[in-house]
């Protein structure tokens, strides 16, 4: 799964990387982003214009009723999202990019969970594939998202048995295009990212607590 990531930017770097229109959106450096928080995602309209949107991490399908057991999955398996009732509509027509500078996974070392930071070797932004849904809550529409995961590449497999899908730059436009609905075509855009382009190293266990923030 992917349950924590970092976005330390600056946001202007991500705006340039993702080709987002300069709409004045800002987001300060964060090193411990966690589920249920309102976080920036990149979406595209029918004309191909890209914008940032703040959405809650934890997807709620549009038709979900308010109950005490409302499901809010933070991840969706890329292998089955196209057929799962909770995700299939978004997979076909409401795909987004979740910008990050790195993500975390945990490895069991001597009986304890050791967090690892995983990023691109060239330190370019990470574009995780995500799904967006607008839930009709009591106070109006709420934007929510989940991150798609897949089998790990050789690097991440040493740490965890899943990893977020990472969309290559050359596939951004097609992934974001709501007009692209062919499931077979979409599956060619996702899969384990080449491990030779990534690096991983252990970090402080402070990241285990979502309340902890900062570069340390």
Protein backbone atom coordinates (compact mmCIF):
# COMPACT_ATOMS: atom_id res chain seq x y z
CA UNK A 1 0.00 0.00 0.00
CA UNK A 2 0.95 3.66 0.01
CA UNK A 3 0.03 5.28 3.32
CA UNK A 4 2.39 8.25 3.66
CA UNK A 5 4.29 10.56 1.33
CA UNK A 6 6.13 13.89 1.15
CA UNK A 7 5.61 17.01 -0.94
CA UNK A 8 8.26 19.57 -0.13
CA UNK A 9 8.33 21.31 -3.49
CA UNK A 10 8.40 24.19 -3.81
CA UNK A 11 4.95 24.08 -5.37
CA UNK A 12 6.21 26.25 -8.24
CA UNK A 13 8.49 23.37 -9.26
CA UNK A 14 5.52 21.01 -9.36
CA UNK A 15 3.46 23.58 -11.27
CA UNK A 16 6.13 23.69 -13.96
CA UNK A 17 6.72 19.93 -13.98
CA UNK A 18 3.05 19.02 -14.32
CA UNK A 19 2.17 21.85 -16.72
CA UNK A 20 -0.41 23.30 -14.35
CA UNK A 21 -1.88 26.71 -15.11
CA UNK A 22 -0.61 29.39 -12.72
CA UNK A 23 -3.82 29.85 -10.75
CA UNK A 24 -2.21 31.19 -7.58
CA UNK A 25 -2.47 27.83 -5.80
CA UNK A 26 0.05 27.39 -2.99
CA UNK A 27 1.02 24.54 -0.68
CA UNK A 28 3.82 24.70 1.86
CA UNK A 29 6.51 22.02 2.25
CA UNK A 30 5.22 18.88 3.99
CA UNK A 31 7.23 15.78 4.87
CA UNK A 32 4.58 13.51 6.38
CA UNK A 33 1.34 13.61 4.40
CA UNK A 34 -1.26 11.21 5.76
CA UNK A 35 -4.77 9.88 4.99
CA UNK A 36 -7.81 12.09 5.67
CA UNK A 37 -5.80 15.26 4.97
CA UNK A 38 -6.70 17.72 2.19
CA UNK A 39 -3.87 17.37 -0.32
CA UNK A 40 -3.14 18.69 -3.83
CA UNK A 41 -3.83 16.56 -6.88
CA UNK A 42 -3.53 17.38 -10.59
CA UNK A 43 -6.60 17.02 -12.79
CA UNK A 44 -7.34 17.84 -16.43
CA UNK A 45 -10.48 19.12 -18.15
CA UNK A 46 -11.82 18.11 -21.56
CA UNK A 47 -9.66 20.76 -23.23
CA UNK A 48 -6.51 19.38 -21.59
CA UNK A 49 -6.03 22.25 -19.14
CA UNK A 50 -4.41 21.07 -15.90
CA UNK A 51 -5.15 22.51 -12.47
CA UNK A 52 -4.40 21.75 -8.84
CA UNK A 53 -7.27 20.66 -6.62
CA UNK A 54 -7.30 20.05 -2.88
CA UNK A 55 -8.95 16.71 -2.15
CA UNK A 56 -9.29 14.52 0.92
CA UNK A 57 -7.08 11.42 0.85
CA UNK A 58 -9.58 8.59 1.26
CA UNK A 59 -11.97 7.97 -1.64
CA UNK A 60 -15.73 8.08 -1.10
CA UNK A 61 -17.84 7.08 -4.13
CA UNK A 62 -20.36 9.71 -5.23
CA UNK A 63 -23.43 7.72 -4.21
CA UNK A 64 -22.27 6.67 -0.75
CA UNK A 65 -24.74 7.35 2.05
CA UNK A 66 -23.69 8.94 5.34
CA UNK A 67 -23.25 6.12 7.86
CA UNK A 68 -20.99 5.37 10.78
CA UNK A 69 -19.11 2.82 8.67
CA UNK A 70 -18.45 4.95 5.57
CA UNK A 71 -15.54 3.36 3.71
CA UNK A 72 -12.70 5.70 2.70
CA UNK A 73 -9.99 3.57 1.06
CA UNK A 74 -6.71 5.39 0.56
CA UNK A 75 -5.47 2.89 -2.03
CA UNK A 76 -6.94 0.93 -4.92
CA UNK A 77 -5.30 -2.03 -6.63
CA UNK A 78 -4.47 -1.06 -10.20
CA UNK A 79 -5.05 -4.66 -11.29
CA UNK A 80 -8.73 -4.65 -10.25
CA UNK A 81 -9.79 -0.98 -10.05
CA UNK A 82 -11.43 -1.14 -13.48
CA UNK A 83 -13.95 -3.76 -12.30
CA UNK A 84 -14.43 -2.97 -8.60
CA UNK A 85 -17.75 -1.11 -8.12
CA UNK A 86 -16.12 1.40 -5.77
CA UNK A 87 -13.44 2.43 -8.26
CA UNK A 88 -14.51 1.53 -11.80
CA UNK A 89 -16.24 4.82 -12.67
CA UNK A 90 -13.27 6.90 -11.55
CA UNK A 91 -10.80 4.56 -13.27
CA UNK A 92 -12.56 5.06 -16.58
CA UNK A 93 -13.13 8.80 -16.49
CA UNK A 94 -11.76 10.56 -13.40
CA UNK A 95 -8.04 9.80 -13.18
CA UNK A 96 -5.63 12.23 -11.57
CA UNK A 97 -1.95 12.62 -10.74
CA UNK A 98 -0.91 12.84 -7.10
CA UNK A 99 2.27 14.95 -6.97
CA UNK A 100 4.97 13.97 -4.49
CA UNK A 101 8.68 14.32 -3.96
CA UNK A 102 8.93 10.94 -2.25
CA UNK A 103 6.81 8.24 -0.64
CA UNK A 104 7.39 6.00 2.36
CA UNK A 105 7.16 2.26 2.87
CA UNK A 106 7.98 0.18 5.94
CA UNK A 107 10.25 -2.86 6.21
CA UNK A 108 10.37 -5.24 9.16
CA UNK A 109 13.90 -5.13 10.58
CA UNK A 110 14.73 -7.07 13.76
CA UNK A 111 11.04 -7.25 14.60
CA UNK A 112 10.46 -3.52 14.18
CA UNK A 113 9.01 -1.46 11.35
CA UNK A 114 11.70 0.67 9.73
CA UNK A 115 10.43 3.45 7.43
CA UNK A 116 12.17 4.02 4.09
CA UNK A 117 11.96 7.09 1.90
CA UNK A 118 11.67 6.24 -1.80
CA UNK A 119 12.22 8.81 -4.55
CA UNK A 120 13.64 9.41 -8.00
CA UNK A 121 17.43 9.34 -8.25
CA UNK A 122 17.37 12.65 -10.12
CA UNK A 123 15.02 14.04 -7.43
CA UNK A 124 12.36 14.92 -10.00
CA UNK A 125 8.73 14.93 -8.81
CA UNK A 126 6.93 11.62 -8.43
CA UNK A 127 3.59 11.41 -10.25
CA UNK A 128 1.48 8.80 -8.49
CA UNK A 129 -1.63 7.68 -10.34
CA UNK A 130 -4.86 8.42 -8.51
CA UNK A 131 -8.64 8.30 -8.76
CA UNK A 132 -10.92 11.25 -7.97
CA UNK A 133 -14.51 11.15 -6.76
CA UNK A 134 -16.89 13.91 -5.67
CA UNK A 135 -18.99 12.74 -2.75
CA UNK A 136 -22.31 14.45 -2.07
CA UNK A 137 -21.94 15.05 1.67
CA UNK A 138 -24.34 16.88 4.01
CA UNK A 139 -22.56 20.19 3.34
CA UNK A 140 -22.18 19.72 -0.42
CA UNK A 141 -19.69 18.08 -2.79
CA UNK A 142 -16.42 16.87 -1.26
CA UNK A 143 -13.44 15.99 -3.49
CA UNK A 144 -11.82 12.70 -2.41
CA UNK A 145 -9.07 10.54 -3.92
CA UNK A 146 -7.26 7.24 -3.66
CA UNK A 147 -3.77 6.27 -4.87
CA UNK A 148 -3.46 3.27 -7.17
CA UNK A 149 -0.95 0.58 -6.21
CA UNK A 150 0.71 -2.24 -8.09
CA UNK A 151 3.28 -4.99 -7.62
CA UNK A 152 6.66 -3.60 -6.55
CA UNK A 153 9.73 -3.27 -8.70
CA UNK A 154 12.96 -4.93 -7.52
CA UNK A 155 13.96 -1.95 -5.37
CA UNK A 156 10.68 -1.61 -3.49
CA UNK A 157 10.23 -5.39 -3.23
CA UNK A 158 13.11 -5.42 -0.73
CA UNK A 159 10.96 -3.19 1.49
CA UNK A 160 7.28 -3.86 0.78
CA UNK A 161 5.00 -6.04 -1.37
CA UNK A 162 3.16 -3.11 -3.02
CA UNK A 163 4.06 0.30 -4.40
CA UNK A 164 2.11 3.24 -5.84
CA UNK A 165 1.83 3.33 -9.60
CA UNK A 166 4.08 6.04 -11.00
CA UNK A 167 3.06 7.59 -14.30
CA UNK A 168 5.96 8.49 -16.65
CA UNK A 169 6.05 12.09 -17.90
CA UNK A 170 5.29 11.02 -21.45
CA UNK A 171 2.02 9.41 -20.29
CA UNK A 172 0.65 12.31 -18.23
CA UNK A 173 -1.65 13.64 -20.95
CA UNK A 174 -3.19 10.28 -21.80
CA UNK A 175 -3.60 9.28 -18.15
CA UNK A 176 -5.38 12.53 -17.33
CA UNK A 177 -7.55 12.59 -20.45
CA UNK A 178 -11.15 11.72 -19.43
CA UNK A 179 -11.86 10.79 -23.05
CA UNK A 180 -9.49 7.80 -22.78
CA UNK A 181 -11.75 5.05 -21.43
CA UNK A 182 -10.34 1.87 -23.02
CA UNK A 183 -9.34 -0.35 -20.10
CA UNK A 184 -6.72 -2.29 -22.03
CA UNK A 185 -5.08 0.93 -23.15
CA UNK A 186 -5.09 2.33 -19.62
CA UNK A 187 -3.43 -0.80 -18.27
CA UNK A 188 -0.50 -0.24 -20.64
CA UNK A 189 0.17 3.06 -18.85
CA UNK A 190 0.61 1.54 -15.40
CA UNK A 191 2.91 -0.98 -13.78
CA UNK A 192 6.03 -1.09 -11.63
CA UNK A 193 8.28 1.88 -12.34
CA UNK A 194 11.88 1.04 -13.46
CA UNK A 195 13.91 0.46 -10.30
CA UNK A 196 17.14 1.80 -11.84
CA UNK A 197 15.59 5.29 -11.84
CA UNK A 198 14.75 5.20 -8.12
CA UNK A 199 16.53 5.11 -4.77
CA UNK A 200 15.53 4.25 -1.20
CA UNK A 201 17.06 4.81 2.21
CA UNK A 202 15.97 4.44 5.86
CA UNK A 203 14.66 7.52 7.68
CA UNK A 204 13.67 8.52 11.19
CA UNK A 205 10.86 6.60 12.84
CA UNK A 206 9.31 9.97 13.64
CA UNK A 207 7.45 9.56 10.35
CA UNK A 208 5.46 6.74 11.97
CA UNK A 209 3.38 9.37 13.79
CA UNK A 210 1.30 11.46 11.38
CA UNK A 211 1.39 14.32 13.88
CA UNK A 212 5.14 14.75 13.31
CA UNK A 213 6.18 17.17 10.57
CA UNK A 214 9.35 18.83 9.34
CA UNK A 215 12.48 17.90 7.44
CA UNK A 216 13.85 15.98 10.41
